[in-house]
Structures are given as C-alpha cells and as structure tokens.
PDB file of N, CA and C in Angstrom:
ATOM      1  N   MET A   1     122.103  32.794  79.479  1.00  0.00           N
ATOM      2  CA  MET A   1     123.803  32.476  79.852  1.00  0.00           C
ATOM      3  C   MET A   1     124.142  31.647  80.748  1.00  0.00           C
ATOM      4  N   PHE A   2     124.685  30.404  80.774  1.00  0.00           N
ATOM      5  CA  PHE A   2     125.263  29.912  81.876  1.00  0.00           C
ATOM      6  C   PHE A   2     126.473  29.739  81.907  1.00  0.00           C
ATOM      7  N   SER A   3     126.832  30.152  83.020  1.00  0.00           N
ATOM      8  CA  SER A   3     128.594  29.717  83.406  1.00  0.00           C
ATOM      9  C   SER A   3     128.764  29.146  84.209  1.00  0.00           C
ATOM     10  N   CYS A   4     129.744  28.530  84.500  1.00  0.00           N
ATOM     11  CA  CYS A   4     130.182  27.498  85.503  1.00  0.00           C
ATOM     12  C   CYS A   4     132.005  27.690  85.960  1.00  0.00           C
ATOM     13  N   ILE A   5     132.275  28.768  85.381  1.00  0.00           N
ATOM     14  CA  ILE A   5     133.911  29.154  85.356  1.00  0.00           C
ATOM     15  C   ILE A   5     134.260  30.084  85.909  1.00  0.00           C
ATOM     16  N   GLU A   6     133.715  30.563  87.090  1.00  0.00           N
ATOM     17  CA  GLU A   6     133.817  31.908  87.667  1.00  0.00           C
ATOM     18  C   GLU A   6     135.257  32.120  88.592  1.00  0.00           C
ATOM     19  N   GLU A   7     135.612  31.221  88.891  1.00  0.00           N
ATOM     20  CA  GLU A   7     136.857  31.199  89.460  1.00  0.00           C
ATOM     21  C   GLU A   7     138.071  31.334  88.645  1.00  0.00           C
ATOM     22  N   THR A   8     137.754  30.998  87.642  1.00  0.00           N
ATOM     23  CA  THR A   8     138.884  31.370  86.347  1.00  0.00           C
ATOM     24  C   THR A   8     138.944  32.721  86.072  1.00  0.00           C
ATOM     25  N   GLY A   9     137.980  33.612  86.283  1.00  0.00           N
ATOM     26  CA  GLY A   9     137.556  34.842  85.630  1.00  0.00           C
ATOM     27  C   GLY A   9     137.339  34.983  84.031  1.00  0.00           C
ATOM     28  N   THR A  10     137.174  33.597  83.294  1.00  0.00           N
ATOM     29  CA  THR A  10     136.778  33.720  82.265  1.00  0.00           C
ATOM     30  C   THR A  10     135.148  33.035  82.071  1.00  0.00           C
ATOM     31  N   GLY A  11     134.077  33.658  83.176  1.00  0.00           N
ATOM     32  CA  GLY A  11     132.939  33.069  83.621  1.00  0.00           C
ATOM     33  C   GLY A  11     132.214  33.792  82.193  1.00  0.00           C
ATOM     34  N   ALA A  12     130.774  34.448  82.837  1.00  0.00           N
ATOM     35  CA  ALA A  12     129.504  35.238  82.027  1.00  0.00           C
ATOM     36  C   ALA A  12     130.217  35.999  81.949  1.00  0.00           C
ATOM     37  N   ASN A  13     130.923  36.902  82.690  1.00  0.00           N
ATOM     38  CA  ASN A  13     131.537  38.184  82.633  1.00  0.00           C
ATOM     39  C   ASN A  13     131.837  38.830  80.949  1.00  0.00           C
ATOM     40  N   SER A  14     132.627  37.759  80.396  1.00  0.00           N
ATOM     41  CA  SER A  14     133.308  38.038  78.761  1.00  0.00           C
ATOM     42  C   SER A  14     131.954  37.870  77.876  1.00  0.00           C
ATOM     43  N   SER A  15     131.036  37.650  78.152  1.00  0.00           N
ATOM     44  CA  SER A  15     129.871  37.386  77.005  1.00  0.00           C
ATOM     45  C   SER A  15     128.501  38.271  77.416  1.00  0.00           C
ATOM     46  N   ILE A  16     128.430  38.850  78.096  1.00  0.00           N
ATOM     47  CA  ILE A  16     127.007  39.538  78.486  1.00  0.00           C
ATOM     48  C   ILE A  16     126.659  40.096  76.885  1.00  0.00           C
ATOM     49  N   PRO A  17     125.351  40.036  76.969  1.00  0.00           N
ATOM     50  CA  PRO A  17     124.454  40.562  75.499  1.00  0.00           C
ATOM     51  C   PRO A  17     124.220  41.951  76.485  1.00  0.00           C
ATOM     52  N   GLU A  18     124.371  42.709  75.201  1.00  0.00           N
ATOM     53  CA  GLU A  18     124.642  44.531  75.146  1.00  0.00           C
ATOM     54  C   GLU A  18     122.833  44.778  75.367  1.00  0.00           C
ATOM     55  N   ASN A  19     121.813  44.095  75.537  1.00  0.00           N
ATOM     56  CA  ASN A  19     120.903  44.379  75.960  1.00  0.00           C
ATOM     57  C   ASN A  19     120.339  43.798  77.562  1.00  0.00           C
ATOM     58  N   ALA A  20     120.996  43.392  77.841  1.00  0.00           N
ATOM     59  CA  ALA A  20     120.617  42.541  79.451  1.00  0.00           C
ATOM     60  C   ALA A  20     120.740  43.756  80.285  1.00  0.00           C
ATOM     61  N   VAL A  21     120.380  43.879  81.507  1.00  0.00           N
ATOM     62  CA  VAL A  21     119.459  44.885  82.385  1.00  0.00           C
ATOM     63  C   VAL A  21     119.545  44.448  83.632  1.00  0.00           C
ATOM     64  N   GLU A  22     119.766  42.775  83.912  1.00  0.00           N
ATOM     65  CA  GLU A  22     120.061  42.690  84.865  1.00  0.00           C
ATOM     66  C   GLU A  22     120.603  41.196  84.827  1.00  0.00           C
ATOM     67  N   PHE A  23     121.753  41.296  85.755  1.00  0.00           N
ATOM     68  CA  PHE A  23     122.705  39.862  85.881  1.00  0.00           C
ATOM     69  C   PHE A  23     122.140  39.157  87.287  1.00  0.00           C
ATOM     70  N   LEU A  24     121.957  37.679  87.065  1.00  0.00           N
ATOM     71  CA  LEU A  24     121.557  36.903  88.369  1.00  0.00           C
ATOM     72  C   LEU A  24     122.799  35.805  88.572  1.00  0.00           C
ATOM     73  N   ALA A  25     124.305  35.398  89.826  1.00  0.00           N
ATOM     74  CA  ALA A  25     124.965  35.036  89.244  1.00  0.00           C
ATOM     75  C   ALA A  25     124.265  33.983  90.587  1.00  0.00           C
ATOM     76  N   VAL A  26     124.003  32.757  90.372  1.00  0.00           N
ATOM     77  CA  VAL A  26     123.895  31.337  90.958  1.00  0.00           C
ATOM     78  C   VAL A  26     124.485  30.494  91.445  1.00  0.00           C
ATOM     79  N   ASP A  27     125.289  30.596  92.553  1.00  0.00           N
ATOM     80  CA  ASP A  27     126.596  30.108  93.456  1.00  0.00           C
ATOM     81  C   ASP A  27     126.143  29.400  94.620  1.00  0.00           C
ATOM     82  N   MET A  28     126.628  29.224  94.992  1.00  0.00           N
ATOM     83  CA  MET A  28     126.807  28.549  96.443  1.00  0.00           C
ATOM     84  C   MET A  28     126.768  29.499  97.378  1.00  0.00           C
ATOM     85  N   GLY A  29     125.512  29.536  98.795  1.00  0.00           N
ATOM     86  CA  GLY A  29     125.382  30.224  99.549  1.00  0.00           C
ATOM     87  C   GLY A  29     126.768  29.502 100.880  1.00  0.00           C
ATOM     88  N   ALA A  30     127.616  29.839 101.063  1.00  0.00           N
ATOM     89  CA  ALA A  30     128.719  29.137 102.121  1.00  0.00           C
ATOM     90  C   ALA A  30     128.260  29.677 103.169  1.00  0.00           C
ATOM     91  N   MET A  31     128.802  28.318 103.981  1.00  0.00           N
ATOM     92  CA  MET A  31     128.518  28.342 105.461  1.00  0.00           C
ATOM     93  C   MET A  31     129.453  28.960 106.027  1.00  0.00           C
ATOM     94  N   GLY A  32     129.429  29.510 108.017  1.00  0.00           N
ATOM     95  CA  GLY A  32     131.078  29.604 108.256  1.00  0.00           C
ATOM     96  C   GLY A  32     130.232  29.801 109.311  1.00  0.00           C
ATOM     97  N   ASP A  33     131.362  30.605 110.808  1.00  0.00           N
ATOM     98  CA  ASP A  33     130.792  30.764 112.232  1.00  0.00           C
ATOM     99  C   ASP A  33     130.435  31.901 111.970  1.00  0.00           C
ATOM    100  N   ASP A  34     130.317  33.331 110.823  1.00  0.00           N
ATOM    101  CA  ASP A  34     130.134  34.038 110.915  1.00  0.00           C
ATOM    102  C   ASP A  34     128.755  34.709 109.676  1.00  0.00           C
ATOM    103  N   GLN A  35     128.787  33.358 109.477  1.00  0.00           N
ATOM    104  CA  GLN A  35     127.296  33.517 108.315  1.00  0.00           C
ATOM    105  C   GLN A  35     125.988  33.256 109.074  1.00  0.00           C
ATOM    106  N   GLN A  36     125.225  33.624 108.234  1.00  0.00           N
ATOM    107  CA  GLN A  36     123.782  33.641 108.479  1.00  0.00           C
ATOM    108  C   GLN A  36     123.248  32.101 107.643  1.00  0.00           C
ATOM    109  N   THR A  37     123.807  32.040 106.637  1.00  0.00           N
ATOM    110  CA  THR A  37     122.818  30.806 105.668  1.00  0.00           C
ATOM    111  C   THR A  37     123.227  29.226 106.733  1.00  0.00           C
ATOM    112  N   ASP A  38     122.462  28.688 106.198  1.00  0.00           N
ATOM    113  CA  ASP A  38     122.423  27.006 106.648  1.00  0.00           C
ATOM    114  C   ASP A  38     122.272  26.551 105.610  1.00  0.00           C
ATOM    115  N   GLU A  39     122.103  25.039 105.832  1.00  0.00           N
ATOM    116  CA  GLU A  39     122.103  24.356 104.619  1.00  0.00           C
ATOM    117  C   GLU A  39     120.251  24.075 104.273  1.00  0.00           C
ATOM    118  N   TYR A  40     119.666  24.747 104.830  1.00  0.00           N
ATOM    119  CA  TYR A  40     118.137  24.763 104.685  1.00  0.00           C
ATOM    120  C   TYR A  40     117.286  26.172 104.131  1.00  0.00           C
ATOM    121  N   THR A  41     118.601  26.952 103.695  1.00  0.00           N
ATOM    122  CA  THR A  41     117.825  28.355 103.487  1.00  0.00           C
ATOM    123  C   THR A  41     118.574  28.311 102.006  1.00  0.00           C
ATOM    124  N   VAL A  42     117.921  29.523 101.314  1.00  0.00           N
ATOM    125  CA  VAL A  42     118.361  30.289 100.195  1.00  0.00           C
ATOM    126  C   VAL A  42     119.250  31.452 100.759  1.00  0.00           C
ATOM    127  N   SER A  43     120.627  31.623 100.342  1.00  0.00           N
ATOM    128  CA  SER A  43     121.271  32.608 100.534  1.00  0.00           C
ATOM    129  C   SER A  43     121.131  33.782  99.583  1.00  0.00           C
ATOM    130  N   ILE A  44     121.032  34.959 100.108  1.00  0.00           N
ATOM    131  CA  ILE A  44     120.753  36.449  99.280  1.00  0.00           C
ATOM    132  C   ILE A  44     122.061  36.729  99.352  1.00  0.00           C
ATOM    133  N   CYS A  45     122.679  37.272  98.612  1.00  0.00           N
ATOM    134  CA  CYS A  45     124.328  37.984  99.264  1.00  0.00           C
ATOM    135  C   CYS A  45     123.947  39.775  99.256  1.00  0.00           C
ATOM    136  N   VAL A  46     124.037  40.230 100.413  1.00  0.00           N
ATOM    137  CA  VAL A  46     124.269  41.617 100.488  1.00  0.00           C
ATOM    138  C   VAL A  46     125.393  42.161  99.449  1.00  0.00           C
ATOM    139  N   LYS A  47     126.268  41.843  99.787  1.00  0.00           N
ATOM    140  CA  LYS A  47     127.495  42.347  99.530  1.00  0.00           C
ATOM    141  C   LYS A  47     128.927  41.184  99.661  1.00  0.00           C
ATOM    142  N   ASP A  48     129.736  41.374  98.878  1.00  0.00           N
ATOM    143  CA  ASP A  48     130.845  40.383  98.897  1.00  0.00           C
ATOM    144  C   ASP A  48     132.343  40.966  98.907  1.00  0.00           C
ATOM    145  N   GLY A  49     133.523  40.611  98.699  1.00  0.00           N
ATOM    146  CA  GLY A  49     134.561  41.290  98.692  1.00  0.00           C
ATOM    147  C   GLY A  49     134.676  42.594  97.850  1.00  0.00           C
ATOM    148  N   SER A  50     134.030  42.477  96.422  1.00  0.00           N
ATOM    149  CA  SER A  50     133.893  43.590  95.440  1.00  0.00           C
ATOM    150  C   SER A  50     132.978  44.428  96.019  1.00  0.00           C
ATOM    151  N   GLY A  51     131.922  44.781  97.142  1.00  0.00           N
ATOM    152  CA  GLY A  51     131.026  45.459  97.201  1.00  0.00           C
ATOM    153  C   GLY A  51     130.049  45.021  97.250  1.00  0.00           C
ATOM    154  N   PRO A  52     129.331  45.756  97.587  1.00  0.00           N
ATOM    155  CA  PRO A  52     127.605  45.894  97.692  1.00  0.00           C
ATOM    156  C   PRO A  52     126.638  45.253  96.184  1.00  0.00           C
ATOM    157  N   TYR A  53     125.875  44.262  96.205  1.00  0.00           N
ATOM    158  CA  TYR A  53     124.990  44.055  95.001  1.00  0.00           C
ATOM    159  C   TYR A  53     124.010  45.356  94.988  1.00  0.00           C
ATOM    160  N   ASN A  54     123.363  45.077  93.623  1.00  0.00           N
ATOM    161  CA  ASN A  54     122.187  46.093  93.661  1.00  0.00           C
ATOM    162  C   ASN A  54     120.816  45.864  94.391  1.00  0.00           C
ATOM    163  N   TYR A  55     120.984  46.858  95.264  1.00  0.00           N
ATOM    164  CA  TYR A  55     119.677  46.743  96.126  1.00  0.00           C
ATOM    165  C   TYR A  55     118.207  46.392  95.733  1.00  0.00           C
ATOM    166  N   THR A  56     117.868  47.000  94.610  1.00  0.00           N
ATOM    167  CA  THR A  56     116.354  47.141  94.509  1.00  0.00           C
ATOM    168  C   THR A  56     116.149  45.332  93.606  1.00  0.00           C
ATOM    169  N   LEU A  57     117.417  45.185  93.041  1.00  0.00           N
ATOM    170  CA  LEU A  57     117.266  43.397  92.258  1.00  0.00           C
ATOM    171  C   LEU A  57     117.621  42.515  93.568  1.00  0.00           C
ATOM    172  N   ARG A  58     118.259  43.143  94.989  1.00  0.00           N
ATOM    173  CA  ARG A  58     118.040  41.925  95.902  1.00  0.00           C
ATOM    174  C   ARG A  58     116.466  42.134  96.758  1.00  0.00           C
ATOM    175  N   GLN A  59     116.342  43.338  96.614  1.00  0.00           N
ATOM    176  CA  GLN A  59     114.765  43.331  97.167  1.00  0.00           C
ATOM    177  C   GLN A  59     113.553  42.723  96.706  1.00  0.00           C
ATOM    178  N   HIS A  60     114.186  42.786  95.255  1.00  0.00           N
ATOM    179  CA  HIS A  60     112.901  41.962  94.164  1.00  0.00           C
ATOM    180  C   HIS A  60     113.012  40.302  94.599  1.00  0.00           C
ATOM    181  N   LEU A  61     114.735  39.806  94.979  1.00  0.00           N
ATOM    182  CA  LEU A  61     114.694  38.289  95.307  1.00  0.00           C
ATOM    183  C   LEU A  61     114.328  38.289  97.141  1.00  0.00           C
ATOM    184  N   VAL A  62     114.350  38.939  97.664  1.00  0.00           N
ATOM    185  CA  VAL A  62     113.714  38.734  98.798  1.00  0.00           C
ATOM    186  C   VAL A  62     111.946  38.809  98.642  1.00  0.00           C
ATOM    187  N   ASP A  63     111.511  39.662  98.437  1.00  0.00           N
ATOM    188  CA  ASP A  63     110.396  39.654  98.170  1.00  0.00           C
ATOM    189  C   ASP A  63     109.627  38.794  97.320  1.00  0.00           C
ATOM    190  N   LEU A  64     110.103  38.283  96.015  1.00  0.00           N
ATOM    191  CA  LEU A  64     110.040  36.937  95.728  1.00  0.00           C
ATOM    192  C   LEU A  64     109.880  35.727  96.925  1.00  0.00           C
ATOM    193  N   ALA A  65     110.818  35.563  97.154  1.00  0.00           N
ATOM    194  CA  ALA A  65     111.197  34.426  98.349  1.00  0.00           C
ATOM    195  C   ALA A  65     109.935  34.528  99.533  1.00  0.00           C
ATOM    196  N   LYS A  66     109.809  35.746  99.966  1.00  0.00           N
ATOM    197  CA  LYS A  66     108.729  35.787 100.912  1.00  0.00           C
ATOM    198  C   LYS A  66     106.936  35.432 100.004  1.00  0.00           C
ATOM    199  N   GLU A  67     106.813  35.879  99.134  1.00  0.00           N
ATOM    200  CA  GLU A  67     105.569  35.316  98.430  1.00  0.00           C
ATOM    201  C   GLU A  67     105.634  34.059  98.333  1.00  0.00           C
ATOM    202  N   LYS A  68     107.020  33.637  97.466  1.00  0.00           N
ATOM    203  CA  LYS A  68     106.612  31.957  97.543  1.00  0.00           C
ATOM    204  C   LYS A  68     106.821  31.139  98.551  1.00  0.00           C
ATOM    205  N   GLU A  69     107.019  31.465  99.895  1.00  0.00           N
ATOM    206  CA  GLU A  69     107.345  31.145 101.308  1.00  0.00           C
ATOM    207  C   GLU A  69     108.662  30.138 100.999  1.00  0.00           C
ATOM    208  N   ILE A  70     109.643  30.975 100.608  1.00  0.00           N
ATOM    209  CA  ILE A  70     111.232  30.260 100.223  1.00  0.00           C
ATOM    210  C   ILE A  70     111.923  30.556 101.768  1.00  0.00           C
ATOM    211  N   ASP A  71     112.146  30.024 102.407  1.00  0.00           N
ATOM    212  CA  ASP A  71     112.856  30.731 103.848  1.00  0.00           C
ATOM    213  C   ASP A  71     114.401  31.302 102.905  1.00  0.00           C
ATOM    214  N   TYR A  72     114.962  32.004 103.651  1.00  0.00           N
ATOM    215  CA  TYR A  72     116.117  32.805 103.036  1.00  0.00           C
ATOM    216  C   TYR A  72     116.692  33.284 103.847  1.00  0.00           C
ATOM    217  N   ARG A  73     118.421  33.720 103.874  1.00  0.00           N
ATOM    218  CA  ARG A  73     119.151  34.685 104.892  1.00  0.00           C
ATOM    219  C   ARG A  73     119.998  35.304 104.178  1.00  0.00           C
ATOM    220  N   LEU A  74     119.830  36.290 104.483  1.00  0.00           N
ATOM    221  CA  LEU A  74     120.531  37.734 103.780  1.00  0.00           C
ATOM    222  C   LEU A  74     122.065  37.401 104.493  1.00  0.00           C
ATOM    223  N   ASP A  75     123.065  37.215 103.920  1.00  0.00           N
ATOM    224  CA  ASP A  75     124.438  37.400 104.047  1.00  0.00           C
ATOM    225  C   ASP A  75     125.683  38.340 103.731  1.00  0.00           C
ATOM    226  N   ILE A  76     126.792  37.738 104.118  1.00  0.00           N
ATOM    227  CA  ILE A  76     127.728  38.999 103.706  1.00  0.00           C
ATOM    228  C   ILE A  76     128.969  38.286 103.437  1.00  0.00           C
ATOM    229  N   TYR A  77     129.775  38.231 102.333  1.00  0.00           N
ATOM    230  CA  TYR A  77     130.724  37.153 102.180  1.00  0.00           C
ATOM    231  C   TYR A  77     131.958  37.936 101.602  1.00  0.00           C
ATOM    232  N   PRO A  78     132.998  38.340 102.542  1.00  0.00           N
ATOM    233  CA  PRO A  78     133.507  39.513 102.569  1.00  0.00           C
ATOM    234  C   PRO A  78     135.270  38.637 101.598  1.00  0.00           C
ATOM    235  N   PHE A  79     135.164  37.610 101.838  1.00  0.00           N
ATOM    236  CA  PHE A  79     136.071  36.747 100.863  1.00  0.00           C
ATOM    237  C   PHE A  79     135.716  35.741  99.772  1.00  0.00           C
ATOM    238  N   TYR A  80     134.699  36.527  98.887  1.00  0.00           N
ATOM    239  CA  TYR A  80     134.381  35.962  98.180  1.00  0.00           C
ATOM    240  C   TYR A  80     133.969  36.603  96.612  1.00  0.00           C
ATOM    241  N   GLY A  81     133.689  36.411  95.485  1.00  0.00           N
ATOM    242  CA  GLY A  81     133.377  37.259  94.620  1.00  0.00           C
ATOM    243  C   GLY A  81     132.745  35.998  93.832  1.00  0.00           C
ATOM    244  N   SER A  82     131.679  36.792  92.281  1.00  0.00           N
ATOM    245  CA  SER A  82     131.063  35.769  91.759  1.00  0.00           C
ATOM    246  C   SER A  82     131.188  36.248  90.490  1.00  0.00           C
ATOM    247  N   ASP A  83     130.567  35.689  89.442  1.00  0.00           N
ATOM    248  CA  ASP A  83     130.261  36.140  87.961  1.00  0.00           C
ATOM    249  C   ASP A  83     129.458  37.241  88.038  1.00  0.00           C
ATOM    250  N   ALA A  84     128.788  37.929  88.987  1.00  0.00           N
ATOM    251  CA  ALA A  84     128.415  39.072  88.475  1.00  0.00           C
ATOM    252  C   ALA A  84     128.933  40.518  89.435  1.00  0.00           C
ATOM    253  N   SER A  85     130.199  39.943  90.324  1.00  0.00           N
ATOM    254  CA  SER A  85     130.895  41.094  91.020  1.00  0.00           C
ATOM    255  C   SER A  85     132.026  40.862  89.886  1.00  0.00           C
ATOM    256  N   ALA A  86     132.196  40.156  89.127  1.00  0.00           N
ATOM    257  CA  ALA A  86     133.174  40.463  88.159  1.00  0.00           C
ATOM    258  C   ALA A  86     133.038  40.909  86.562  1.00  0.00           C
ATOM    259  N   ALA A  87     131.317  40.812  86.786  1.00  0.00           N
ATOM    260  CA  ALA A  87     130.582  41.404  85.631  1.00  0.00           C
ATOM    261  C   ALA A  87     131.042  43.013  85.734  1.00  0.00           C
ATOM    262  N   MET A  88     130.433  43.431  86.717  1.00  0.00           N
ATOM    263  CA  MET A  88     130.734  44.909  87.376  1.00  0.00           C
ATOM    264  C   MET A  88     132.300  45.437  87.108  1.00  0.00           C
ATOM    265  N   ARG A  89     133.162  44.256  87.584  1.00  0.00           N
ATOM    266  CA  ARG A  89     134.733  44.850  87.514  1.00  0.00           C
ATOM    267  C   ARG A  89     135.055  45.344  85.813  1.00  0.00           C
ATOM    268  N   ALA A  90     134.290  44.375  84.956  1.00  0.00           N
ATOM    269  CA  ALA A  90     134.208  44.306  83.437  1.00  0.00           C
ATOM    270  C   ALA A  90     133.591  45.360  82.676  1.00  0.00           C
ATOM    271  N   GLY A  91     133.095  46.054  83.697  1.00  0.00           N
ATOM    272  CA  GLY A  91     132.280  47.653  83.323  1.00  0.00           C
ATOM    273  C   GLY A  91     130.631  46.989  82.619  1.00  0.00           C
ATOM    274  N   ALA A  92     130.229  46.221  83.157  1.00  0.00           N
ATOM    275  CA  ALA A  92     128.756  45.813  82.532  1.00  0.00           C
ATOM    276  C   ALA A  92     127.849  47.003  83.232  1.00  0.00           C
ATOM    277  N   ASP A  93     126.950  47.502  82.289  1.00  0.00           N
ATOM    278  CA  ASP A  93     125.975  48.203  83.168  1.00  0.00           C
ATOM    279  C   ASP A  93     124.806  47.618  83.534  1.00  0.00           C
ATOM    280  N   VAL A  94     124.381  46.948  84.570  1.00  0.00           N
ATOM    281  CA  VAL A  94     123.195  45.961  84.537  1.00  0.00           C
ATOM    282  C   VAL A  94     123.416  46.100  86.646  1.00  0.00           C
ATOM    283  N   LYS A  95     121.740  45.772  86.540  1.00  0.00           N
ATOM    284  CA  LYS A  95     121.776  45.301  87.770  1.00  0.00           C
ATOM    285  C   LYS A  95     122.207  43.822  88.106  1.00  0.00           C
ATOM    286  N   HIS A  96     122.826  43.770  89.437  1.00  0.00           N
ATOM    287  CA  HIS A  96     123.533  42.563  89.743  1.00  0.00           C
ATOM    288  C   HIS A  96     123.191  41.874  91.126  1.00  0.00           C
ATOM    289  N   ALA A  97     122.951  40.630  91.208  1.00  0.00           N
ATOM    290  CA  ALA A  97     122.889  39.936  92.597  1.00  0.00           C
ATOM    291  C   ALA A  97     123.319  38.592  92.372  1.00  0.00           C
ATOM    292  N   LEU A  98     123.090  38.045  93.426  1.00  0.00           N
ATOM    293  CA  LEU A  98     123.614  36.861  93.770  1.00  0.00           C
ATOM    294  C   LEU A  98     123.389  35.830  94.671  1.00  0.00           C
ATOM    295  N   LEU A  99     122.413  34.626  94.760  1.00  0.00           N
ATOM    296  CA  LEU A  99     121.946  34.007  95.669  1.00  0.00           C
ATOM    297  C   LEU A  99     122.473  32.767  95.337  1.00  0.00           C
ATOM    298  N   GLY A 100     122.082  31.803  96.112  1.00  0.00           N
ATOM    299  CA  GLY A 100     122.633  30.091  95.990  1.00  0.00           C
ATOM    300  C   GLY A 100     122.084  29.383  97.062  1.00  0.00           C
ATOM    301  N   ALA A 101     122.206  28.154  97.144  1.00  0.00           N
ATOM    302  CA  ALA A 101     121.590  27.196  98.186  1.00  0.00           C
ATOM    303  C   ALA A 101     122.648  27.061  99.529  1.00  0.00           C
ATOM    304  N   GLY A 102     122.299  27.286 100.388  1.00  0.00           N
ATOM    305  CA  GLY A 102     122.956  27.377 101.472  1.00  0.00           C
ATOM    306  C   GLY A 102     124.178  25.891 101.773  1.00  0.00           C
ATOM    307  N   ILE A 103     125.353  26.215 101.213  1.00  0.00           N
ATOM    308  CA  ILE A 103     126.389  24.871 101.367  1.00  0.00           C
ATOM    309  C   ILE A 103     127.440  25.074 102.347  1.00  0.00           C
ATOM    310  N   GLU A 104     127.014  23.273 102.966  1.00  0.00           N
ATOM    311  CA  GLU A 104     128.395  23.169 103.988  1.00  0.00           C
ATOM    312  C   GLU A 104     129.315  22.519 103.071  1.00  0.00           C
ATOM    313  N   SER A 105     130.702  22.815 103.540  1.00  0.00           N
ATOM    314  CA  SER A 105     131.809  22.696 102.710  1.00  0.00           C
ATOM    315  C   SER A 105     131.979  23.258 101.412  1.00  0.00           C
ATOM    316  N   SER A 106     132.815  23.128 100.092  1.00  0.00           N
ATOM    317  CA  SER A 106     133.054  23.237  98.873  1.00  0.00           C
ATOM    318  C   SER A 106     134.308  22.586  98.156  1.00  0.00           C
ATOM    319  N   HIS A 107     133.951  22.465  97.142  1.00  0.00           N
ATOM    320  CA  HIS A 107     134.899  22.042  95.918  1.00  0.00           C
ATOM    321  C   HIS A 107     134.897  20.376  96.147  1.00  0.00           C
ATOM    322  N   SER A 108     135.042  19.792  97.691  1.00  0.00           N
ATOM    323  CA  SER A 108     135.608  18.843  97.463  1.00  0.00           C
ATOM    324  C   SER A 108     134.637  17.615  97.940  1.00  0.00           C
ATOM    325  N   TYR A 109     133.135  18.438  98.655  1.00  0.00           N
ATOM    326  CA  TYR A 109     132.359  17.519  99.307  1.00  0.00           C
ATOM    327  C   TYR A 109     131.225  19.007  99.559  1.00  0.00           C
ATOM    328  N   GLU A 110     130.618  19.057  99.011  1.00  0.00           N
ATOM    329  CA  GLU A 110     129.350  19.885  98.783  1.00  0.00           C
ATOM    330  C   GLU A 110     128.131  19.748  99.468  1.00  0.00           C
ATOM    331  N   ARG A 111     127.705  19.739 100.727  1.00  0.00           N
ATOM    332  CA  ARG A 111     125.988  18.956 100.953  1.00  0.00           C
ATOM    333  C   ARG A 111     125.471  20.087 101.555  1.00  0.00           C
ATOM    334  N   THR A 112     124.319  19.530 101.002  1.00  0.00           N
ATOM    335  CA  THR A 112     122.883  20.991 101.450  1.00  0.00           C
ATOM    336  C   THR A 112     121.905  19.864 101.552  1.00  0.00           C
ATOM    337  N   HIS A 113     120.977  20.884 102.095  1.00  0.00           N
ATOM    338  CA  HIS A 113     119.440  19.709 101.905  1.00  0.00           C
ATOM    339  C   HIS A 113     118.492  20.926 100.651  1.00  0.00           C
ATOM    340  N   ILE A 114     117.742  19.301 100.687  1.00  0.00           N
ATOM    341  CA  ILE A 114     116.628  19.671  99.456  1.00  0.00           C
ATOM    342  C   ILE A 114     116.286  20.975  99.491  1.00  0.00           C
ATOM    343  N   LYS A 115     115.649  21.082 100.554  1.00  0.00           N
ATOM    344  CA  LYS A 115     114.624  22.500 101.110  1.00  0.00           C
ATOM    345  C   LYS A 115     115.824  23.988 100.355  1.00  0.00           C
ATOM    346  N   SER A 116     116.991  24.292 100.579  1.00  0.00           N
ATOM    347  CA  SER A 116     117.676  24.913  99.800  1.00  0.00           C
ATOM    348  C   SER A 116     117.647  25.417  98.705  1.00  0.00           C
ATOM    349  N   ILE A 117     117.351  24.199  98.093  1.00  0.00           N
ATOM    350  CA  ILE A 117     117.731  24.113  96.559  1.00  0.00           C
ATOM    351  C   ILE A 117     115.938  24.485  95.990  1.00  0.00           C
TER     352      ILE A 117
END
C-alpha cells in the first residue's frame, strides 16, 4: 500500500490490511540544527512527536543499511509525525518504523543528493 496524504490524517492508517505485521513509512528525513541527518544519508527515525518507533524493526533497517553499505543516521523528530505513528494512534497492532532520504527544506523546494535516495 502506498499513501501520500499523511499530513491530512487520512493516509494509510485508515486501510491497513488485517494481516499486516509491519508498517514502514517512507517520508523525508528533515534536516535541521539539532538533527543528525544530512542530504547524503538515509534518516532512520528513532522517535517522533508521538513516541518511539519499534526497536526491532528499526534495528533491522540499521542492519540492512550496514549490510548494503548505505550511509544512514539515526534521528529524533520531536515536532513530526508519520503514517506509521498515525497508524499506532488508530490502534494498529503492527511493528512500525520510519525512514527517508535526508531532505533540505520541505514542501516548497525540497532538495537532496542522489546518495540519500
């Protein structure tokens, strides 16, 4: 399932298949003064404004990044939410995680490097 409307609260959390066991949200890895993410790496989110993401699934993503030699950063986004965190609020019983390309700016002029994709 793919969704692109998480910011309106009507994203993928409203149609998760009953047999789903994992929920991986792919979004932007926002760069900022207190963030680890940059435009050359993949951001794997530890927690956001809703709380922590599933440790086991996050660690699996870290292990995959190491195995495939993909540069990554672990980051915390205190003023952020994703389809995965919305799914948890909606009562989904799944392991959830969030990752994304490191993105400079958002909405009006997002920029990144091919390496982070």
